[in-house]
Amino acid sequence: MPFLQKKLSLQKRIVFLVTTVTVSMLSTMMVFDTMSLNQSIRQAYVSQISGMTIAINGRYEESRSVTDVQQIFDYIQYKNNRVLEMKLYSKEGIILAASNRSEVGNRLQPASVVIPKQDQTIVDRVPMAQSDKPVVRLTAPLQEDGLVVGAVEVIFDSSEEADLLKNRTKLILIVGISVAIVLSILLWLILRKIVIRPLSRLREAAVLVKQGGELPKLQFKTSPEIAEVSEAFNDMVKNLDERYQELQSVLNTLQVTQDQLVQSEKMGALGNLVAGVSHEINTPIGIGVTAITYLDQKTKQFQSLYETGKMKKSDLEQFLSVIGETNAMVQSNLERASSLVRSFKQISVDQSVEVKRTFHLREYLEGIIASLKPTLKKTRLRVDVNCDKQLSLYTYPGALSQIITNLVMNSLNHAYGIEEEGSLSIRVTDYQESITIAYTDDGKGMTQEVLDHIFDPFFTTSRGKGGTGLGMNIVYNLVTQSLNGTIHCSSTVGHGSLFMITIPKEEESDL
């Protein structure tokens, strides 16, 4: 039945079930009618042999003559040509009289000796193997002075009854099949008119609404149930446009809000970058200022010594040594500050302006990590970058900067406790048409529940600490939309996390 429910339509299923029930009822009626007809035929057989046995018993008790009984057998066969054979035998199975006189005096086989009880008639059919036509054996008791002393057996031709039963069964079968067919056709037509056609129109209307087409009001003059469904559908379509406009308005609001939050997140990250780089630049500049101040002091001392005319060769050599050391210190710290400014300038421009360009990936990744050093210095974490120095990439560097920054900050905020040591790794693998960036940390890891929602917008496990839940969503959108790549995350509690980012390679246009 489940197979039929999957494959057959509602109309076919109803017709099939009703036809099955009808055929079952007709079959049951046919069985009961056949049984009733068989019972009537059996009673007719009993009535016939009862009349015969009354006459035979009466003559046998009156004359005790087998000859008289034989004459009665002849008379019965003469008057009724359906009587094929008659026997009268004792309890011992000795044939006392028979329509076939050659059998008189013979002894029947023990299995063939049937002695009915008083007032009992046994009706059984002779197997077709023993006769070429339907035959019934009727056995009645032979009585003498009220006692059963033997039996009277009549072999009766039942062809007429068999034909009657056959014709009756055939008639019932034909009528039953005809009724089932007519009922199925009528039911098919009725269901098609009052159920299937309205449902088909409802389906067509639903498809039309789905495609955005205009829908006329549906009206069905069938059953009250179908009319109620059509009215409900009309009401739904009537309010659908208003609800769609409401949902569209809510969606636009959510989109604007999300864009604002994403922009705020980007500006916040850029602000942190500015603050960190400013603090980082202060160190080399401060050292340079100290060195220049020290050099100025030594220069004044040397000039004073020169003016007094007491300057020695050793004083000149010492002054020149101070100049060289101070100059080297100032130069190295100014170069360091200049490098930080260039790195900050490039990364900040990349994060503010979405422009594709070609850049050396390792150098850029190291620049990103350098811009995060003010934050990393406050932790006991180390970052390793493993990438081919010659690998160049043509893509949006600002998107890549945001991705790496958010991944590192996510590890700092969620994967490690205060003063906990750890290792972050960025490993780049170069393939023919793409590169893969494997970012790993050896922190706390994530549960499966967190892992299932890590890229969902506004999902965070530290909302009470100011988390917005947009960091990893921004990473996902940048990888999949800006860089046309893929990102997958795997993690085990207590064993850290792994982010696999695949970015397709692109060739820089000559235009």
Protein backbone atom coordinates (compact mmCIF):
# COMPACT_ATOMS: atom_id res chain seq x y z
CA MET A 1 0.00 0.00 0.00
CA PRO A 2 2.81 2.54 0.69
CA PHE A 3 4.04 1.91 -2.86
CA LEU A 4 0.58 2.75 -4.26
CA GLN A 5 0.36 5.89 -2.11
CA LYS A 6 3.63 7.11 -3.55
CA LYS A 7 2.88 6.31 -7.19
CA LEU A 8 -0.90 6.71 -7.63
CA SER A 9 -2.82 9.96 -7.67
CA LEU A 10 -5.55 10.70 -5.13
CA GLN A 11 -8.26 9.96 -7.69
CA LYS A 12 -6.76 6.60 -8.64
CA ARG A 13 -6.22 5.63 -5.01
CA ILE A 14 -9.84 6.34 -4.06
CA VAL A 15 -11.16 4.47 -7.10
CA PHE A 16 -8.80 1.58 -6.41
CA LEU A 17 -9.85 1.31 -2.77
CA VAL A 18 -13.60 1.57 -3.51
CA THR A 19 -13.31 -0.98 -6.34
CA THR A 20 -11.37 -3.34 -4.06
CA VAL A 21 -14.03 -3.06 -1.33
CA THR A 22 -16.82 -3.57 -3.89
CA VAL A 23 -15.19 -6.64 -5.41
CA SER A 24 -14.56 -8.06 -1.92
CA MET A 25 -18.22 -7.58 -0.96
CA LEU A 26 -19.43 -9.13 -4.20
CA SER A 27 -17.05 -12.05 -3.74
CA THR A 28 -18.37 -12.58 -0.22
CA MET A 29 -21.95 -12.46 -1.50
CA MET A 30 -21.09 -14.95 -4.25
CA VAL A 31 -19.55 -17.35 -1.73
CA PHE A 32 -22.58 -17.16 0.55
CA ASP A 33 -24.98 -17.58 -2.38
CA THR A 34 -23.05 -20.62 -3.62
CA MET A 35 -23.09 -22.15 -0.15
CA SER A 36 -26.84 -21.48 0.13
CA LEU A 37 -27.50 -23.05 -3.29
CA ASN A 38 -25.39 -26.09 -2.37
CA GLN A 39 -27.39 -26.49 0.82
CA SER A 40 -30.66 -26.32 -1.11
CA ILE A 41 -29.44 -28.97 -3.58
CA ARG A 42 -28.34 -31.19 -0.70
CA GLN A 43 -31.79 -30.88 0.90
CA ALA A 44 -33.39 -31.78 -2.44
CA TYR A 45 -31.21 -34.91 -2.64
CA VAL A 46 -32.21 -35.87 0.89
CA SER A 47 -35.89 -35.41 0.04
CA GLN A 48 -35.57 -37.61 -3.05
CA ILE A 49 -33.79 -40.49 -1.32
CA SER A 50 -36.11 -40.20 1.68
CA GLY A 51 -39.07 -41.05 -0.55
CA MET A 52 -37.13 -43.91 -2.12
CA THR A 53 -35.95 -45.37 1.19
CA ILE A 54 -39.45 -45.18 2.70
CA ALA A 55 -40.80 -47.30 -0.16
CA ILE A 56 -37.84 -49.73 -0.02
CA ASN A 57 -37.97 -50.11 3.77
CA GLY A 58 -41.75 -50.58 3.69
CA ARG A 59 -41.58 -53.36 1.04
CA TYR A 60 -38.56 -55.01 2.69
CA GLU A 61 -40.18 -55.11 6.16
CA GLU A 62 -43.47 -56.33 4.70
CA SER A 63 -42.26 -59.18 2.49
CA ARG A 64 -38.67 -59.85 3.57
CA SER A 65 -38.19 -60.55 -0.12
CA VAL A 66 -35.12 -59.35 -1.98
CA THR A 67 -37.01 -59.87 -5.23
CA ASP A 68 -39.56 -57.26 -4.23
CA VAL A 69 -36.79 -54.84 -3.44
CA GLN A 70 -35.18 -55.59 -6.81
CA GLN A 71 -38.47 -54.76 -8.52
CA ILE A 72 -38.65 -51.46 -6.68
CA PHE A 73 -35.10 -50.68 -7.89
CA ASP A 74 -36.17 -51.36 -11.46
CA TYR A 75 -39.26 -49.21 -11.07
CA ILE A 76 -37.34 -46.30 -9.61
CA GLN A 77 -34.75 -46.41 -12.41
CA TYR A 78 -37.52 -46.62 -14.96
CA LYS A 79 -39.34 -43.61 -13.56
CA ASN A 80 -36.17 -41.54 -12.91
CA ASN A 81 -33.43 -41.81 -15.48
CA ARG A 82 -31.07 -39.76 -13.28
CA VAL A 83 -30.75 -42.70 -10.91
CA LEU A 84 -27.68 -44.49 -12.25
CA GLU A 85 -27.22 -47.28 -9.75
CA MET A 86 -28.83 -48.66 -6.56
CA LYS A 87 -27.61 -51.10 -3.91
CA LEU A 88 -28.96 -52.59 -0.71
CA TYR A 89 -26.39 -54.19 1.59
CA SER A 90 -26.18 -55.48 5.14
CA LYS A 91 -23.98 -54.23 7.91
CA GLU A 92 -21.41 -56.83 6.92
CA GLY A 93 -21.21 -55.28 3.42
CA ILE A 94 -23.00 -58.15 1.61
CA ILE A 95 -25.03 -56.82 -1.34
CA LEU A 96 -28.62 -58.08 -0.89
CA ALA A 97 -30.10 -56.30 -3.92
CA ALA A 98 -28.75 -54.16 -6.77
CA SER A 99 -29.85 -52.54 -9.98
CA ASN A 100 -26.94 -54.50 -11.48
CA ARG A 101 -28.03 -58.02 -10.53
CA SER A 102 -24.56 -59.46 -11.13
CA GLU A 103 -23.40 -57.71 -7.95
CA VAL A 104 -25.98 -59.44 -5.70
CA GLY A 105 -24.19 -61.62 -3.13
CA ASN A 106 -20.85 -59.85 -3.48
CA ARG A 107 -19.13 -58.33 -0.47
CA LEU A 108 -18.15 -54.69 -0.57
CA GLN A 109 -14.71 -53.43 0.44
CA PRO A 110 -14.71 -52.44 4.13
CA ALA A 111 -13.91 -48.84 3.20
CA SER A 112 -16.99 -48.71 0.98
CA VAL A 113 -19.39 -49.92 3.70
CA VAL A 114 -21.22 -46.87 5.12
CA ILE A 115 -24.03 -47.51 7.62
CA PRO A 116 -25.87 -44.27 8.47
CA LYS A 117 -27.55 -43.80 11.78
CA GLN A 118 -31.31 -43.95 12.07
CA ASP A 119 -33.05 -41.01 10.31
CA GLN A 120 -29.69 -39.92 8.82
CA THR A 121 -28.94 -39.49 5.13
CA ILE A 122 -25.34 -39.18 3.92
CA VAL A 123 -24.69 -37.14 0.78
CA ASP A 124 -21.23 -37.18 -0.79
CA ARG A 125 -19.83 -36.66 -4.26
CA VAL A 126 -18.15 -39.42 -6.21
CA PRO A 127 -14.70 -38.31 -7.47
CA MET A 128 -14.65 -37.47 -11.18
CA ALA A 129 -11.90 -40.06 -11.62
CA GLN A 130 -14.53 -42.77 -11.00
CA SER A 131 -17.13 -41.25 -13.31
CA ASP A 132 -17.23 -39.21 -16.50
CA LYS A 133 -19.88 -36.81 -15.16
CA PRO A 134 -20.91 -35.24 -11.84
CA VAL A 135 -22.31 -37.99 -9.61
CA VAL A 136 -23.68 -37.92 -6.05
CA ARG A 137 -23.80 -40.90 -3.70
CA LEU A 138 -26.88 -40.90 -1.42
CA THR A 139 -26.77 -43.37 1.48
CA ALA A 140 -29.79 -43.97 3.78
CA PRO A 141 -30.30 -46.54 6.62
CA LEU A 142 -32.10 -49.86 5.97
CA GLN A 143 -34.42 -50.48 8.92
CA GLU A 144 -36.09 -53.66 10.21
CA ASP A 145 -38.42 -53.50 13.22
CA GLY A 146 -37.06 -50.04 14.04
CA LEU A 147 -33.41 -51.17 13.93
CA VAL A 148 -30.75 -50.29 11.35
CA VAL A 149 -29.72 -53.54 9.65
CA GLY A 150 -27.98 -52.16 6.57
CA ALA A 151 -27.99 -49.34 4.07
CA VAL A 152 -29.51 -48.30 0.78
CA GLU A 153 -27.13 -46.62 -1.64
CA VAL A 154 -28.27 -44.57 -4.65
CA ILE A 155 -25.83 -43.23 -7.27
CA PHE A 156 -27.48 -40.08 -8.63
CA ASP A 157 -26.62 -38.00 -11.72
CA SER A 158 -26.06 -34.40 -10.51
CA SER A 159 -25.29 -32.83 -13.89
CA GLU A 160 -28.34 -30.56 -13.77
CA GLU A 161 -27.45 -29.25 -10.31
CA ALA A 162 -23.80 -28.78 -11.31
CA ASP A 163 -24.87 -26.82 -14.41
CA LEU A 164 -27.27 -24.77 -12.30
CA LEU A 165 -24.52 -23.98 -9.78
CA LYS A 166 -22.06 -23.14 -12.58
CA ASN A 167 -24.50 -20.85 -14.39
CA ARG A 168 -25.49 -19.18 -11.13
CA THR A 169 -21.84 -18.52 -10.25
CA LYS A 170 -21.11 -17.21 -13.74
CA LEU A 171 -24.11 -14.88 -13.57
CA ILE A 172 -23.09 -13.49 -10.18
CA LEU A 173 -19.51 -13.04 -11.41
CA ILE A 174 -20.61 -11.18 -14.56
CA VAL A 175 -23.01 -8.99 -12.61
CA GLY A 176 -20.37 -8.30 -9.94
CA ILE A 177 -17.69 -7.34 -12.46
CA SER A 178 -20.17 -5.16 -14.36
CA VAL A 179 -21.25 -3.41 -11.18
CA ALA A 180 -17.61 -2.86 -10.14
CA ILE A 181 -16.71 -1.41 -13.55
CA VAL A 182 -19.75 0.87 -13.70
CA LEU A 183 -19.18 1.98 -10.11
CA SER A 184 -15.49 2.70 -10.78
CA ILE A 185 -16.30 4.74 -13.89
CA LEU A 186 -18.99 6.74 -12.09
CA LEU A 187 -16.74 7.28 -9.10
CA TRP A 188 -13.87 8.33 -11.39
CA LEU A 189 -16.06 10.92 -13.14
CA ILE A 190 -17.55 12.22 -9.88
CA LEU A 191 -14.16 12.58 -8.20
CA ARG A 192 -12.73 14.25 -11.27
CA LYS A 193 -15.51 16.82 -11.26
CA ILE A 194 -15.86 17.61 -7.57
CA VAL A 195 -12.30 17.01 -6.28
CA ILE A 196 -9.57 16.62 -8.89
CA ARG A 197 -10.45 19.56 -11.14
CA PRO A 198 -10.77 22.04 -8.23
CA LEU A 199 -7.47 20.79 -6.77
CA SER A 200 -5.80 21.14 -10.17
CA ARG A 201 -7.05 24.71 -10.47
CA LEU A 202 -5.79 25.45 -6.95
CA ARG A 203 -2.40 24.02 -7.89
CA GLU A 204 -2.27 26.12 -11.10
CA ALA A 205 -3.23 29.19 -9.08
CA ALA A 206 -0.49 28.47 -6.52
CA VAL A 207 2.11 28.13 -9.30
CA LEU A 208 0.89 31.37 -10.85
CA VAL A 209 1.20 33.18 -7.51
CA LYS A 210 4.68 31.71 -7.05
CA GLN A 211 5.71 33.14 -10.43
CA GLY A 212 4.29 36.55 -9.51
CA GLY A 213 1.35 36.56 -11.90
CA GLU A 214 -2.08 38.11 -11.41
CA LEU A 215 -4.64 35.68 -9.98
CA PRO A 216 -8.40 35.96 -10.52
CA LYS A 217 -10.67 35.09 -7.60
CA LEU A 218 -11.33 31.35 -7.39
CA GLN A 219 -14.91 30.12 -7.02
CA PHE A 220 -15.94 26.44 -6.92
CA LYS A 221 -19.54 25.21 -6.86
CA THR A 222 -18.71 21.73 -5.64
CA SER A 223 -18.52 20.50 -2.08
CA PRO A 224 -18.52 22.87 0.93
CA GLU A 225 -15.03 21.65 1.87
CA ILE A 226 -13.54 22.60 -1.52
CA ALA A 227 -15.37 25.95 -1.36
CA GLU A 228 -13.83 26.64 2.06
CA VAL A 229 -10.36 25.79 0.76
CA SER A 230 -10.80 28.11 -2.23
CA GLU A 231 -11.99 30.95 0.03
CA ALA A 232 -8.99 30.43 2.31
CA PHE A 233 -6.71 30.48 -0.74
CA ASN A 234 -8.31 33.72 -1.99
CA ASP A 235 -7.78 35.32 1.43
CA MET A 236 -4.17 34.16 1.45
CA VAL A 237 -3.51 35.63 -2.00
CA LYS A 238 -5.23 38.86 -1.03
CA ASN A 239 -2.90 39.40 1.93
CA LEU A 240 0.18 37.94 0.27
CA ASP A 241 1.28 41.16 -1.42
CA GLU A 242 0.95 43.18 1.81
CA ARG A 243 2.93 40.60 3.75
CA TYR A 244 5.54 40.49 1.00
CA GLN A 245 5.96 44.27 1.19
CA GLU A 246 6.26 44.08 4.98
CA LEU A 247 8.86 41.32 4.74
CA GLN A 248 10.74 43.22 2.04
CA SER A 249 10.81 46.31 4.24
CA VAL A 250 12.07 44.30 7.21
CA LEU A 251 14.67 42.63 4.99
CA ASN A 252 15.91 45.99 3.69
CA THR A 253 16.12 47.30 7.25
CA LEU A 254 18.09 44.24 8.31
CA GLN A 255 20.38 44.60 5.31
CA VAL A 256 21.08 48.26 6.07
CA THR A 257 21.64 47.46 9.74
CA GLN A 258 23.99 44.63 8.87
CA ASP A 259 25.93 46.83 6.44
CA GLN A 260 26.24 49.50 9.13
CA LEU A 261 27.42 46.95 11.67
CA VAL A 262 29.91 45.49 9.20
CA GLN A 263 31.22 48.97 8.38
CA SER A 264 31.42 49.74 12.08
CA GLU A 265 33.34 46.53 12.63
CA LYS A 266 35.73 47.42 9.81
CA MET A 267 36.27 50.94 11.15
CA GLY A 268 36.74 49.56 14.65
CA ALA A 269 39.42 47.20 13.39
CA LEU A 270 41.05 50.06 11.48
CA GLY A 271 40.93 52.21 14.63
CA ASN A 272 42.62 49.47 16.63
CA LEU A 273 45.22 49.24 13.86
CA VAL A 274 45.85 53.01 14.05
CA ALA A 275 46.17 52.93 17.82
CA GLY A 276 48.52 49.95 17.75
CA VAL A 277 50.75 51.32 14.99
CA SER A 278 50.87 54.74 16.68
CA HIS A 279 52.09 53.09 19.88
CA GLU A 280 54.55 50.98 17.91
CA ILE A 281 55.98 54.02 16.06
CA ASN A 282 56.52 55.89 19.32
CA THR A 283 59.31 53.50 20.33
CA PRO A 284 61.75 53.99 17.40
CA ILE A 285 60.97 57.70 17.22
CA GLY A 286 61.57 58.06 20.95
CA ILE A 287 64.88 56.25 20.63
CA GLY A 288 65.82 58.52 17.71
CA VAL A 289 64.95 61.67 19.69
CA THR A 290 66.97 60.43 22.67
CA ALA A 291 69.93 59.64 20.41
CA ILE A 292 69.78 63.07 18.71
CA THR A 293 69.56 64.79 22.10
CA TYR A 294 72.56 62.84 23.33
CA LEU A 295 74.47 63.73 20.13
CA ASP A 296 73.59 67.42 20.55
CA GLN A 297 74.93 67.32 24.11
CA LYS A 298 78.18 65.67 22.99
CA THR A 299 78.52 68.16 20.11
CA LYS A 300 78.29 71.10 22.50
CA GLN A 301 80.86 69.54 24.81
CA PHE A 302 83.19 68.92 21.85
CA GLN A 303 82.74 72.49 20.59
CA SER A 304 83.53 73.90 24.04
CA LEU A 305 86.63 71.74 24.24
CA TYR A 306 87.69 72.92 20.77
CA GLU A 307 87.28 76.60 21.68
CA THR A 308 89.50 76.27 24.73
CA GLY A 309 92.26 74.79 22.54
CA LYS A 310 92.63 71.80 24.83
CA MET A 311 91.27 69.23 22.33
CA LYS A 312 93.31 66.10 21.92
CA LYS A 313 93.39 63.50 19.23
CA SER A 314 91.68 61.02 21.57
CA ASP A 315 88.85 63.50 22.16
CA LEU A 316 88.30 63.77 18.38
CA GLU A 317 88.32 60.02 17.95
CA GLN A 318 85.84 59.58 20.82
CA PHE A 319 83.53 62.25 19.35
CA LEU A 320 83.62 60.62 15.91
CA SER A 321 82.80 57.25 17.51
CA VAL A 322 79.79 58.77 19.29
CA ILE A 323 78.64 60.33 16.03
CA GLY A 324 78.85 56.99 14.21
CA GLU A 325 77.01 55.04 16.91
CA THR A 326 74.32 57.69 17.29
CA ASN A 327 73.90 58.01 13.54
CA ALA A 328 73.49 54.22 13.17
CA MET A 329 70.94 54.13 16.01
CA VAL A 330 68.93 57.02 14.58
CA GLN A 331 69.06 55.59 11.08
CA SER A 332 67.92 52.08 12.14
CA ASN A 333 65.04 53.40 14.25
CA LEU A 334 63.92 55.85 11.58
CA GLU A 335 63.96 53.02 9.02
CA ARG A 336 61.92 50.90 11.41
CA ALA A 337 59.40 53.72 11.87
CA SER A 338 59.30 54.31 8.12
CA SER A 339 58.65 50.59 7.53
CA LEU A 340 55.83 50.62 10.08
CA VAL A 341 54.30 53.70 8.46
CA ARG A 342 54.49 52.14 4.99
CA SER A 343 52.96 48.91 6.25
CA PHE A 344 50.22 50.76 8.10
CA LYS A 345 49.57 53.04 5.14
CA GLN A 346 49.24 50.14 2.70
CA ILE A 347 47.06 48.01 4.97
CA SER A 348 44.82 50.91 5.97
CA VAL A 349 44.38 51.92 2.31
CA ASP A 350 43.66 48.30 1.35
CA GLN A 351 41.02 48.02 4.07
CA SER A 352 39.39 51.31 3.08
CA VAL A 353 39.45 50.91 -0.72
CA GLU A 354 38.54 47.71 -2.53
CA VAL A 355 41.07 47.65 -5.38
CA LYS A 356 42.78 44.62 -6.87
CA ARG A 357 46.53 44.66 -7.19
CA THR A 358 49.48 42.27 -7.39
CA PHE A 359 51.55 41.84 -4.23
CA HIS A 360 53.99 39.41 -2.63
CA LEU A 361 51.87 37.31 -0.32
CA ARG A 362 54.45 36.49 2.36
CA GLU A 363 55.60 40.10 2.69
CA TYR A 364 51.99 41.23 2.98
CA LEU A 365 51.14 38.58 5.59
CA GLU A 366 54.17 39.61 7.66
CA GLY A 367 53.02 43.22 7.39
CA ILE A 368 49.60 42.25 8.71
CA ILE A 369 51.18 40.42 11.65
CA ALA A 370 53.47 43.41 12.26
CA SER A 371 50.43 45.70 12.46
CA LEU A 372 49.01 43.36 15.13
CA LYS A 373 52.20 43.30 17.22
CA PRO A 374 50.97 45.91 19.75
CA THR A 375 48.11 43.55 20.59
CA LEU A 376 50.19 40.38 20.38
CA LYS A 377 52.82 41.85 22.73
CA LYS A 378 50.26 41.78 25.52
CA THR A 379 49.91 38.00 25.13
CA ARG A 380 52.21 34.98 25.27
CA LEU A 381 51.31 33.91 21.75
CA ARG A 382 53.63 33.54 18.78
CA VAL A 383 52.68 33.67 15.11
CA ASP A 384 54.48 31.68 12.41
CA VAL A 385 54.10 32.51 8.70
CA ASN A 386 55.07 29.76 6.26
CA CYS A 387 54.85 30.99 2.65
CA ASP A 388 57.06 31.03 -0.44
CA LYS A 389 58.78 34.43 -0.70
CA GLN A 390 58.34 34.49 -4.48
CA LEU A 391 54.59 33.78 -4.41
CA SER A 392 52.66 36.73 -5.84
CA LEU A 393 48.91 37.09 -5.81
CA TYR A 394 46.52 39.28 -7.79
CA THR A 395 43.45 39.91 -5.67
CA TYR A 396 41.95 42.28 -3.08
CA PRO A 397 44.66 42.72 -0.42
CA GLY A 398 42.30 44.62 1.88
CA ALA A 399 39.95 41.63 2.04
CA LEU A 400 42.88 39.33 2.82
CA SER A 401 44.06 41.75 5.55
CA GLN A 402 40.64 41.75 7.19
CA ILE A 403 40.43 37.95 6.99
CA ILE A 404 43.80 37.36 8.68
CA THR A 405 43.18 40.12 11.25
CA ASN A 406 39.78 38.72 12.22
CA LEU A 407 41.11 35.16 12.45
CA VAL A 408 43.97 36.23 14.72
CA MET A 409 41.71 38.38 16.90
CA ASN A 410 39.17 35.55 17.09
CA SER A 411 41.89 33.25 18.43
CA LEU A 412 43.06 35.89 20.92
CA ASN A 413 39.54 36.51 22.22
CA HIS A 414 38.21 32.96 22.33
CA ALA A 415 40.93 30.31 22.07
CA TYR A 416 43.24 31.27 24.96
CA GLY A 417 43.00 32.37 28.54
CA ILE A 418 44.90 35.24 30.14
CA GLU A 419 48.67 34.64 30.20
CA GLU A 420 48.21 31.33 28.39
CA GLU A 421 50.93 30.35 25.97
CA GLY A 422 50.06 29.32 22.43
CA SER A 423 51.04 29.16 18.81
CA LEU A 424 49.27 30.56 15.74
CA SER A 425 50.25 29.35 12.29
CA ILE A 426 49.59 30.64 8.77
CA ARG A 427 50.67 28.10 6.16
CA VAL A 428 50.24 28.82 2.43
CA THR A 429 50.24 26.04 -0.17
CA ASP A 430 50.59 26.96 -3.84
CA TYR A 431 48.64 24.95 -6.41
CA GLN A 432 48.32 25.34 -10.15
CA GLU A 433 45.07 27.29 -10.20
CA SER A 434 44.61 28.24 -6.55
CA ILE A 435 46.28 28.72 -3.20
CA THR A 436 45.25 27.33 0.18
CA ILE A 437 45.77 29.24 3.41
CA ALA A 438 45.67 26.99 6.47
CA TYR A 439 45.24 29.04 9.65
CA THR A 440 45.55 27.05 12.89
CA ASP A 441 45.70 27.69 16.61
CA ASP A 442 46.33 25.25 19.46
CA GLY A 443 43.79 26.80 21.81
CA LYS A 444 40.61 25.59 23.49
CA GLY A 445 38.84 24.47 20.33
CA MET A 446 35.08 24.57 19.72
CA THR A 447 32.12 22.33 20.45
CA GLN A 448 30.08 20.97 17.55
CA GLU A 449 27.23 23.35 18.36
CA VAL A 450 29.52 26.40 18.09
CA LEU A 451 31.18 24.96 14.98
CA ASP A 452 27.78 24.58 13.26
CA HIS A 453 27.02 28.31 13.70
CA ILE A 454 30.46 29.93 13.60
CA PHE A 455 29.84 31.73 10.30
CA ASP A 456 26.27 32.79 11.13
CA PRO A 457 25.76 36.56 11.47
CA PHE A 458 25.39 37.87 15.04
CA PHE A 459 26.40 34.50 16.54
CA THR A 460 28.88 34.96 19.39
CA THR A 461 29.85 33.18 22.58
CA SER A 462 31.03 36.40 24.23
CA ARG A 463 28.10 38.76 23.82
CA GLY A 464 28.45 39.86 27.44
CA LYS A 465 32.03 40.96 26.70
CA GLY A 466 31.04 43.20 23.79
CA GLY A 467 31.17 40.67 20.95
CA THR A 468 28.95 41.50 17.96
CA GLY A 469 29.04 38.09 16.27
CA LEU A 470 30.04 39.62 12.92
CA GLY A 471 33.76 38.87 12.82
CA MET A 472 33.58 35.36 11.38
CA ASN A 473 30.58 36.26 9.23
CA ILE A 474 32.69 39.04 7.68
CA VAL A 475 35.47 36.50 7.09
CA TYR A 476 33.03 34.12 5.39
CA ASN A 477 31.57 36.85 3.15
CA LEU A 478 35.00 38.20 2.20
CA VAL A 479 36.29 34.73 1.25
CA THR A 480 33.21 33.60 -0.67
CA GLN A 481 32.10 36.89 -2.25
CA SER A 482 35.10 39.20 -2.52
CA LEU A 483 37.75 36.55 -3.21
CA ASN A 484 35.44 33.93 -4.85
CA GLY A 485 36.93 31.26 -2.62
CA THR A 486 35.82 28.73 -0.03
CA ILE A 487 36.38 28.42 3.71
CA HIS A 488 35.92 25.42 5.99
CA CYS A 489 36.44 25.14 9.71
CA SER A 490 37.18 22.06 11.81
CA SER A 491 37.83 21.93 15.53
CA THR A 492 38.10 19.59 18.48
CA VAL A 493 37.59 20.69 22.06
CA GLY A 494 40.99 20.96 23.72
CA HIS A 495 42.96 20.57 20.48
CA GLY A 496 42.57 23.91 18.71
CA SER A 497 40.93 24.94 15.43
CA LEU A 498 41.74 24.84 11.72
CA PHE A 499 40.46 27.20 9.01
CA MET A 500 41.10 26.08 5.43
CA ILE A 501 40.77 28.94 2.92
CA THR A 502 41.04 28.27 -0.81
CA ILE A 503 41.42 31.27 -3.15
CA PRO A 504 41.52 30.95 -6.96
CA LYS A 505 44.48 32.48 -8.76
CA GLU A 506 43.86 35.31 -11.22
CA GLU A 507 46.00 36.96 -13.89
CA GLU A 508 46.42 40.71 -13.76
CA SER A 509 44.88 42.42 -16.78
CA ASP A 510 47.18 44.36 -19.11
CA LEU A 511 44.59 47.11 -19.55
